[in-house]
Amino acid sequence: MHLKRAVTFLLAAFAIVQAEDSLPDYKFVPLNSLTESIEVEKQVETPYGLPRELMPLWDSLTIKQKAAQMVMVYMTPASFMLEHEFGGYLVMKNHLKNLDKFTENIRTVNENMRIKPLVAADQEGGYVNRISVVAPQWERTPSAKQMRAMSEDSIRALAQRIGAVLDSVGINLNLAPVLDPAKDSRGKNSFMEESKRSWGEDTLNAPKVRAFVQGMRESNVACVSKHFPGYDSWTNSDHQIAVSSTPKAKVAKNVEFFKTLANDIPVTMMSSVSFVRISSRPAVFEPKIVKMARDMSPETVILTDDLWGVSLRAWVSGNERVRSKNYPAKDFRKLVRTALMAGNDMFMITYPQKAVEMVNYLEALSKQSKYYRERIEESSARILKMKYRAGIIKQ
């Protein structure tokens, strides 16, 4: 009886094997592997790593609108901003003197622009104090050098209060902290240290800078580290070509401070100084130096200083005596193209009409080659992601 059952079982098994040989060669895939595959596909689907929530917005934008996100323009009337859809506003102290007019302008822009702009101001403290005109109690604020001597809790509380003032008037981006070195390559106090603007050159100060950034963030204000890779020239690069002979090793040491805080600060501003041991180009135009900033964090938005600054225009034209008016169109196009190819994401400019030309030229470049189009889209996407993470874009 047992033998009969065994034979029957073997015959049945043989029949099943024969039947399976005639079927397609399917493989069993565990359910968790299928789920992982779906998740990977979801991540791969979006261009430039954009959150899926931003895809309807991204797909609806023209290349010109994407290029406009790359421009931070000196503050203009709301109508101008709405017409050209720039990605950012630059606010100076004179704009804040008439606070009612200023806040009305910002309100109009925020209510009517599809993508709210970054509204930026230099609120470092000390000599660079934009809110001194907002209210009497803010006529004096501690400098970075003074804050270095404070406790982390005190710094965070102070930054939170100052950030609340900025937030109340519509400013959402602080062009601070200054991470430029306190000592130059000769071991002497740097220009930024003498101006009390530097947070020091030792990465041991990073927790105090982080407290400043956190306090700002708690008041809905993002921060910008500057001026990469560390401004240590005594020449004012806003007004003339500035050169630094700092050795590469010292530049690398200065970069460490920026790198330590790269995950805390979403935007980095490039310096206009030429670090001649690395390149004859100003840092903002040198791909190797911009790449150093990019390598700190792939999501960091890299911002130029004012591209209408005399030193940068003089370098591009090869003429130290440049005029504010009648600057050659070919030189301006070269300036924009050089900033783009160096790897910068956002272009600051204090000449509003030139901001319009800038967007038009970026659009024209996008039609010339796939490379230019992808560069523009890459930077635009990075800016949109930063705005989304900061809560400026809400989907």
Protein backbone atom coordinates (compact mmCIF):
# COMPACT_ATOMS: atom_id res chain seq x y z
CA MET A 1 0.00 0.00 0.00
CA HIS A 2 2.80 2.40 0.85
CA LEU A 3 4.65 1.51 -2.35
CA LYS A 4 1.54 2.23 -4.46
CA ARG A 5 1.16 5.70 -2.89
CA ALA A 6 4.84 6.51 -3.50
CA VAL A 7 4.60 5.58 -7.19
CA THR A 8 1.43 7.67 -7.59
CA PHE A 9 3.16 10.69 -5.98
CA LEU A 10 6.22 10.39 -8.27
CA LEU A 11 4.05 10.16 -11.40
CA ALA A 12 2.10 13.28 -10.35
CA ALA A 13 5.29 15.22 -9.64
CA PHE A 14 6.71 14.23 -13.06
CA ALA A 15 3.54 15.49 -14.77
CA ILE A 16 3.78 18.84 -12.96
CA VAL A 17 7.45 19.26 -13.99
CA GLN A 18 6.56 18.54 -17.64
CA ALA A 19 3.73 21.07 -17.50
CA GLU A 20 6.00 23.73 -15.96
CA ASP A 21 8.62 23.18 -18.70
CA SER A 22 6.05 24.34 -21.26
CA LEU A 23 5.28 27.57 -19.37
CA PRO A 24 7.19 30.89 -19.61
CA ASP A 25 10.17 31.23 -17.25
CA TYR A 26 8.62 33.53 -14.61
CA LYS A 27 10.58 34.46 -11.50
CA PHE A 28 9.11 35.03 -8.11
CA VAL A 29 9.65 38.63 -6.88
CA PRO A 30 9.01 39.37 -3.18
CA LEU A 31 6.40 42.07 -2.50
CA ASN A 32 8.87 44.33 -0.70
CA SER A 33 11.16 44.28 -3.77
CA LEU A 34 8.26 45.37 -5.97
CA THR A 35 7.52 48.24 -3.59
CA GLU A 36 11.15 49.32 -3.63
CA SER A 37 11.19 49.24 -7.44
CA ILE A 38 8.10 51.45 -7.59
CA GLU A 39 9.69 53.92 -5.16
CA VAL A 40 12.87 54.04 -7.25
CA GLU A 41 10.82 54.68 -10.39
CA LYS A 42 9.03 57.53 -8.63
CA GLN A 43 12.34 59.12 -7.72
CA VAL A 44 13.78 58.72 -11.22
CA GLU A 45 10.69 60.17 -12.91
CA THR A 46 11.24 63.77 -11.78
CA PRO A 47 13.86 65.94 -13.52
CA TYR A 48 16.67 67.43 -11.44
CA GLY A 49 15.40 65.68 -8.32
CA LEU A 50 12.35 67.95 -8.03
CA PRO A 51 9.77 66.95 -5.41
CA ARG A 52 6.74 65.40 -7.09
CA GLU A 53 4.58 68.14 -5.55
CA LEU A 54 6.40 70.71 -7.72
CA MET A 55 6.01 68.86 -11.01
CA PRO A 56 2.71 70.49 -12.10
CA LEU A 57 4.33 73.89 -11.58
CA TRP A 58 7.56 72.88 -13.30
CA ASP A 59 5.81 71.42 -16.33
CA SER A 60 3.78 74.60 -16.76
CA LEU A 61 6.79 76.95 -16.87
CA THR A 62 8.32 78.21 -20.10
CA ILE A 63 12.11 78.28 -20.39
CA LYS A 64 11.94 82.07 -20.06
CA GLN A 65 10.06 81.78 -16.77
CA LYS A 66 12.63 79.25 -15.56
CA ALA A 67 15.43 81.64 -16.53
CA ALA A 68 13.68 84.49 -14.69
CA GLN A 69 13.89 82.44 -11.48
CA MET A 70 17.68 82.79 -11.76
CA VAL A 71 17.65 86.59 -11.45
CA MET A 72 17.67 88.60 -8.22
CA VAL A 73 16.95 92.21 -9.11
CA TYR A 74 17.33 95.45 -7.16
CA MET A 75 13.92 96.22 -5.72
CA THR A 76 11.54 97.77 -8.24
CA PRO A 77 7.83 98.69 -8.29
CA ALA A 78 5.53 95.69 -8.01
CA SER A 79 4.30 96.14 -11.59
CA PHE A 80 7.83 95.63 -12.95
CA MET A 81 8.36 92.55 -10.82
CA LEU A 82 5.03 91.05 -11.85
CA GLU A 83 5.70 91.69 -15.53
CA HIS A 84 9.08 89.95 -15.56
CA GLU A 85 8.60 87.29 -12.84
CA PHE A 86 12.11 87.52 -11.38
CA GLY A 87 13.09 84.94 -8.80
CA GLY A 88 14.34 87.41 -6.22
CA TYR A 89 14.35 90.97 -4.92
CA LEU A 90 17.36 92.76 -3.39
CA VAL A 91 16.36 95.15 -0.60
CA MET A 92 18.54 98.03 0.63
CA LYS A 93 18.18 100.32 3.63
CA ASN A 94 16.65 103.14 1.57
CA HIS A 95 13.77 100.85 0.58
CA LEU A 96 12.84 100.38 4.24
CA LYS A 97 12.68 104.09 5.07
CA ASN A 98 9.09 104.25 3.82
CA LEU A 99 7.88 101.08 5.48
CA ASP A 100 4.24 101.38 4.43
CA LYS A 101 5.20 101.71 0.77
CA PHE A 102 7.67 98.85 1.06
CA THR A 103 5.30 96.39 2.71
CA GLU A 104 2.51 97.27 0.25
CA ASN A 105 4.90 96.57 -2.63
CA ILE A 106 5.89 93.19 -1.19
CA ARG A 107 2.28 92.29 -0.42
CA THR A 108 1.19 93.05 -3.99
CA VAL A 109 4.01 90.93 -5.40
CA ASN A 110 3.37 87.98 -3.08
CA GLU A 111 -0.37 88.00 -3.74
CA ASN A 112 -0.06 88.17 -7.52
CA MET A 113 3.12 86.34 -8.46
CA ARG A 114 2.71 82.68 -9.17
CA ILE A 115 6.11 81.92 -7.62
CA LYS A 116 6.90 84.13 -4.65
CA PRO A 117 10.34 85.71 -4.84
CA LEU A 118 13.24 85.51 -2.47
CA VAL A 119 13.29 88.92 -0.75
CA ALA A 120 16.87 89.46 0.37
CA ALA A 121 18.62 91.99 2.59
CA ASP A 122 22.06 92.22 4.24
CA GLN A 123 21.26 92.03 7.94
CA GLU A 124 24.63 91.07 9.35
CA GLY A 125 24.52 93.36 12.37
CA GLY A 126 27.03 96.01 13.40
CA TYR A 127 27.91 98.29 10.48
CA VAL A 128 25.69 96.32 8.09
CA ASN A 129 22.29 96.86 9.69
CA ARG A 130 19.39 97.29 7.27
CA ILE A 131 16.66 97.33 9.95
CA SER A 132 18.11 100.38 11.73
CA VAL A 133 15.43 102.48 9.99
CA VAL A 134 12.54 100.16 10.89
CA ALA A 135 12.28 101.06 14.59
CA PRO A 136 14.44 102.94 17.13
CA GLN A 137 15.28 99.81 19.15
CA TRP A 138 17.05 98.38 16.09
CA GLU A 139 19.31 101.35 15.41
CA ARG A 140 22.14 99.23 16.83
CA THR A 141 22.48 95.48 16.54
CA PRO A 142 25.48 93.38 17.59
CA SER A 143 28.10 92.71 14.93
CA ALA A 144 29.27 89.22 14.03
CA LYS A 145 32.43 89.86 16.05
CA GLN A 146 30.34 90.77 19.09
CA MET A 147 28.04 87.79 18.63
CA ARG A 148 31.07 85.49 18.59
CA ALA A 149 31.52 86.34 22.26
CA MET A 150 27.91 85.50 23.15
CA SER A 151 26.47 82.13 24.16
CA GLU A 152 24.71 79.97 21.56
CA ASP A 153 21.36 80.43 23.31
CA SER A 154 21.76 84.22 23.34
CA ILE A 155 22.73 84.28 19.68
CA ARG A 156 19.76 82.13 18.70
CA ALA A 157 17.32 84.29 20.69
CA LEU A 158 18.73 87.49 19.19
CA ALA A 159 18.61 86.10 15.65
CA GLN A 160 15.04 84.98 16.22
CA ARG A 161 14.00 88.51 17.25
CA ILE A 162 15.80 90.15 14.35
CA GLY A 163 14.39 87.52 11.99
CA ALA A 164 10.89 88.32 13.25
CA VAL A 165 11.43 91.96 12.24
CA LEU A 166 12.58 90.90 8.79
CA ASP A 167 9.65 88.50 8.43
CA SER A 168 7.16 91.16 9.52
CA VAL A 169 8.13 93.40 6.60
CA GLY A 170 8.30 90.58 4.05
CA ILE A 171 12.04 89.79 3.92
CA ASN A 172 12.66 86.03 3.78
CA LEU A 173 16.38 85.80 2.96
CA ASN A 174 19.24 87.24 5.03
CA LEU A 175 22.51 87.78 3.15
CA ALA A 176 24.44 86.70 6.24
CA PRO A 177 26.44 85.23 7.98
CA VAL A 178 29.88 86.36 6.79
CA LEU A 179 32.17 83.33 6.91
CA ASP A 180 35.18 85.20 5.56
CA PRO A 181 38.40 84.65 7.54
CA ALA A 182 39.37 86.84 10.45
CA LYS A 183 43.05 86.52 9.47
CA ASP A 184 44.61 86.98 6.06
CA SER A 185 47.33 84.73 4.65
CA ARG A 186 50.00 86.73 6.51
CA GLY A 187 48.29 86.19 9.85
CA LYS A 188 47.07 89.78 10.12
CA ASN A 189 43.49 90.87 10.78
CA SER A 190 41.50 90.79 7.55
CA PHE A 191 39.32 93.57 6.20
CA MET A 192 36.23 91.68 7.36
CA GLU A 193 37.65 91.29 10.86
CA GLU A 194 38.51 94.97 11.12
CA SER A 195 34.97 95.72 9.97
CA LYS A 196 33.67 93.35 12.70
CA ARG A 197 31.76 91.41 10.05
CA SER A 198 33.60 88.08 10.27
CA TRP A 199 32.44 85.11 12.34
CA GLY A 200 36.06 84.02 12.55
CA GLU A 201 38.09 81.48 10.61
CA ASP A 202 38.06 78.59 13.07
CA THR A 203 35.41 75.92 12.47
CA LEU A 204 35.03 75.76 16.26
CA ASN A 205 32.80 78.82 15.82
CA ALA A 206 30.40 76.76 13.69
CA PRO A 207 27.95 76.02 16.57
CA LYS A 208 27.51 79.76 17.16
CA VAL A 209 26.93 80.43 13.47
CA ARG A 210 24.48 77.53 13.45
CA ALA A 211 22.62 79.15 16.36
CA PHE A 212 22.35 82.39 14.35
CA VAL A 213 21.03 80.50 11.32
CA GLN A 214 18.58 78.51 13.44
CA GLY A 215 17.19 81.63 15.08
CA MET A 216 16.60 83.17 11.66
CA ARG A 217 14.98 79.98 10.39
CA GLU A 218 12.59 79.94 13.33
CA SER A 219 11.37 83.35 12.16
CA ASN A 220 10.90 82.13 8.55
CA VAL A 221 14.12 83.69 7.27
CA ALA A 222 16.72 81.62 5.38
CA CYS A 223 20.40 82.55 5.42
CA VAL A 224 23.22 83.01 2.91
CA SER A 225 26.87 82.26 3.66
CA LYS A 226 29.36 84.63 2.03
CA HIS A 227 31.77 85.42 0.34
CA PHE A 228 33.04 82.06 -0.95
CA PRO A 229 35.86 80.94 -0.78
CA GLY A 230 36.67 83.60 1.85
CA TYR A 231 37.16 87.32 1.23
CA ASP A 232 40.61 88.31 2.49
CA SER A 233 41.52 91.22 0.23
CA TRP A 234 41.75 94.78 1.49
CA THR A 235 40.41 96.09 -1.81
CA ASN A 236 36.68 96.79 -2.12
CA SER A 237 35.70 94.46 -4.94
CA ASP A 238 32.47 96.40 -5.52
CA HIS A 239 34.43 99.32 -6.93
CA GLN A 240 37.65 97.94 -8.43
CA ILE A 241 39.27 94.67 -9.36
CA ALA A 242 40.37 92.97 -6.14
CA VAL A 243 43.21 90.44 -6.05
CA SER A 244 44.25 87.97 -3.37
CA SER A 245 47.58 86.10 -3.41
CA THR A 246 46.41 83.70 -0.69
CA PRO A 247 48.11 80.29 -1.10
CA LYS A 248 45.90 77.38 -2.15
CA ALA A 249 46.33 75.69 1.24
CA LYS A 250 44.99 78.77 3.06
CA VAL A 251 42.07 79.05 0.62
CA ALA A 252 41.25 75.40 1.34
CA LYS A 253 41.38 76.13 5.07
CA ASN A 254 38.98 79.05 4.64
CA VAL A 255 36.62 76.83 2.65
CA GLU A 256 36.36 74.40 5.56
CA PHE A 257 34.24 76.90 7.52
CA PHE A 258 31.75 77.10 4.65
CA LYS A 259 31.79 73.33 4.23
CA THR A 260 31.10 72.69 7.91
CA LEU A 261 27.89 74.76 7.65
CA ALA A 262 26.82 73.74 4.14
CA ASN A 263 23.92 71.60 5.36
CA ASP A 264 22.61 74.41 7.58
CA ILE A 265 22.76 77.29 5.10
CA PRO A 266 20.88 76.77 1.80
CA VAL A 267 22.51 79.56 -0.23
CA THR A 268 26.17 80.54 -0.73
CA MET A 269 27.28 83.83 -2.25
CA MET A 270 30.43 83.88 -4.37
CA SER A 271 33.23 86.38 -3.94
CA SER A 272 34.26 88.85 -6.67
CA VAL A 273 37.93 88.64 -5.61
CA SER A 274 40.49 87.04 -7.94
CA PHE A 275 42.47 84.35 -6.10
CA VAL A 276 45.49 84.43 -8.41
CA ARG A 277 47.11 81.26 -7.00
CA ILE A 278 44.08 79.42 -8.41
CA SER A 279 42.96 81.56 -11.35
CA SER A 280 43.18 85.05 -12.80
CA ARG A 281 39.39 85.10 -12.99
CA PRO A 282 37.25 86.53 -10.18
CA ALA A 283 36.03 83.64 -8.02
CA VAL A 284 32.43 84.07 -9.18
CA PHE A 285 33.57 83.48 -12.79
CA GLU A 286 36.00 80.63 -12.12
CA PRO A 287 34.44 77.16 -12.66
CA LYS A 288 37.02 75.47 -10.41
CA ILE A 289 36.14 77.72 -7.46
CA VAL A 290 32.38 77.55 -8.06
CA LYS A 291 32.75 73.75 -8.19
CA MET A 292 34.41 73.89 -4.76
CA ALA A 293 31.21 75.52 -3.47
CA ARG A 294 29.03 73.03 -5.35
CA ASP A 295 30.93 70.05 -3.98
CA MET A 296 30.03 71.09 -0.41
CA SER A 297 26.39 70.25 -1.08
CA PRO A 298 24.71 69.56 -4.45
CA GLU A 299 21.51 71.29 -3.30
CA THR A 300 23.18 74.59 -2.31
CA VAL A 301 21.97 77.55 -4.38
CA ILE A 302 25.04 79.46 -5.55
CA LEU A 303 24.40 83.20 -5.74
CA THR A 304 26.59 85.83 -7.39
CA ASP A 305 27.36 89.16 -5.84
CA ASP A 306 26.16 92.15 -7.86
CA LEU A 307 27.06 91.42 -11.49
CA TRP A 308 26.71 95.12 -12.28
CA GLY A 309 29.58 95.81 -9.88
CA VAL A 310 32.36 97.82 -11.49
CA SER A 311 35.07 95.22 -10.88
CA LEU A 312 33.24 92.36 -12.62
CA ARG A 313 32.26 94.45 -15.61
CA ALA A 314 35.81 95.81 -15.84
CA TRP A 315 37.26 92.30 -15.82
CA VAL A 316 34.90 91.14 -18.56
CA SER A 317 35.63 94.12 -20.81
CA GLY A 318 39.35 94.27 -20.02
CA ASN A 319 38.97 97.95 -19.23
CA GLU A 320 39.18 99.24 -15.67
CA ARG A 321 37.36 102.44 -16.62
CA VAL A 322 33.89 101.15 -17.34
CA ARG A 323 30.83 103.35 -17.44
CA SER A 324 27.50 102.65 -15.80
CA LYS A 325 25.78 103.79 -18.96
CA ASN A 326 26.54 102.58 -22.46
CA TYR A 327 28.23 99.39 -21.29
CA PRO A 328 28.75 97.37 -24.50
CA ALA A 329 25.99 94.85 -25.16
CA LYS A 330 28.52 92.22 -26.25
CA ASP A 331 30.38 92.61 -22.95
CA PHE A 332 27.15 92.28 -20.96
CA ARG A 333 26.26 89.09 -22.84
CA LYS A 334 29.75 87.76 -22.11
CA LEU A 335 29.30 88.61 -18.42
CA VAL A 336 26.01 86.65 -18.24
CA ARG A 337 27.40 83.73 -20.23
CA THR A 338 30.55 83.55 -18.08
CA ALA A 339 28.52 83.53 -14.86
CA LEU A 340 26.29 80.78 -16.24
CA MET A 341 29.12 78.56 -17.50
CA ALA A 342 31.00 78.96 -14.21
CA GLY A 343 28.10 77.14 -12.53
CA ASN A 344 26.27 79.91 -10.63
CA ASP A 345 22.54 79.43 -10.01
CA MET A 346 21.24 82.91 -9.23
CA PHE A 347 22.46 86.19 -10.68
CA MET A 348 22.19 89.32 -8.57
CA ILE A 349 22.03 92.63 -10.43
CA THR A 350 21.30 96.16 -9.21
CA TYR A 351 20.31 97.54 -12.63
CA PRO A 352 16.67 96.52 -13.24
CA GLN A 353 16.62 97.13 -16.99
CA LYS A 354 19.70 94.96 -17.38
CA ALA A 355 17.88 92.24 -15.45
CA VAL A 356 15.34 92.13 -18.28
CA GLU A 357 18.17 91.83 -20.83
CA MET A 358 19.67 89.07 -18.71
CA VAL A 359 16.52 86.94 -18.83
CA ASN A 360 16.10 87.53 -22.56
CA TYR A 361 19.69 86.49 -23.21
CA LEU A 362 19.39 83.36 -21.06
CA GLU A 363 16.28 82.42 -23.06
CA ALA A 364 18.21 82.97 -26.30
CA LEU A 365 21.06 80.79 -25.07
CA SER A 366 18.58 78.02 -24.21
CA LYS A 367 17.54 77.94 -27.88
CA GLN A 368 21.14 77.74 -29.09
CA SER A 369 22.00 74.41 -27.51
CA LYS A 370 20.74 71.67 -25.25
CA TYR A 371 23.68 72.33 -22.92
CA TYR A 372 22.56 75.88 -22.15
CA ARG A 373 18.96 74.81 -21.70
CA GLU A 374 19.90 72.10 -19.24
CA ARG A 375 22.17 74.48 -17.30
CA ILE A 376 19.31 76.96 -16.96
CA GLU A 377 16.85 74.25 -15.95
CA GLU A 378 19.27 72.76 -13.44
CA SER A 379 19.74 76.11 -11.66
CA SER A 380 16.06 77.01 -11.85
CA ALA A 381 15.10 73.65 -10.33
CA ARG A 382 17.63 74.10 -7.54
CA ILE A 383 16.13 77.52 -6.69
CA LEU A 384 12.59 76.15 -6.71
CA LYS A 385 13.60 73.29 -4.41
CA MET A 386 15.19 75.76 -2.02
CA LYS A 387 12.04 77.90 -1.99
CA TYR A 388 9.91 74.80 -1.40
CA ARG A 389 12.01 73.62 1.53
CA ALA A 390 11.95 77.15 3.02
CA GLY A 391 8.14 77.27 2.80
CA ILE A 392 8.14 80.11 0.26
CA ILE A 393 6.47 77.88 -2.32
CA LYS A 394 3.52 75.97 -0.93
CA GLN A 395 1.86 73.21 -2.95
